[in-house]
Amino acid sequence: MRIVSGKYKGKRFSPPKNLKARPTTDVAKEALFDILNNRIDYEETRVLDMFGGTGSISLEFASRGCPSITLLEMNATNYLFIKKTIAELKADEISAIKGDTFKYVERCASKFDLVFADPPYDHPRLKEIPDIVFQHDLLNDEGILILEHPKDFSFESHPNFLEHRKYGHVNFTFFKKSAE
């Protein structure tokens, strides 16, 4: 795992063999952040990373200057690896929380400029994630949700659908909250 750009560019981390996560490929991650470079001001962006996995996406946001990143991860091994990596980098802008994403969302009083969700591809609630994010009003006006998912899913009929991008086996669907 490596950080692609920003103040931590080039840093490499080796997740333990027993880590249960499917990291976003470097090609897909680079493409995603190339898109975001033209859409957001990182220094002004509050991020929620709903399924932290290896922490790779949150570390990219921190490396690019996001001041506040909330990362959720339920798996204890993954969480400990993420906490260790955050400590090594002194990436204090990342607040890692060990817990269930859906329970967190139900009681969350914060709003974010960008929500990134990369659940396990076989997660039984994957297709519900866009509705959950919008029902719980997690996004600021003009906020963006990015959902990473397998090719079997299409969200083009969702009322907040913005666009779909595909990089190999990685699919990103973008959703946007309109200004009230």
Foldseek 3Di string as FASTA:
>chain_A
DAAPDAPRHGDDDDQDPPQPADDDDPVVLVVVVVVVVVPDDLQDWAEEELACRQVRNVVNSLRNHRQAYEYEHADPSSQVNNVVVCVVVVSVNYDYDHDHSLVCLVPDPEATQEYEYEDPQPPPCLVVVVVSCVVSRRYDAFGKYKYKYFPVDDDVPPPQWDDWDDDPRIIITMGTHHHD
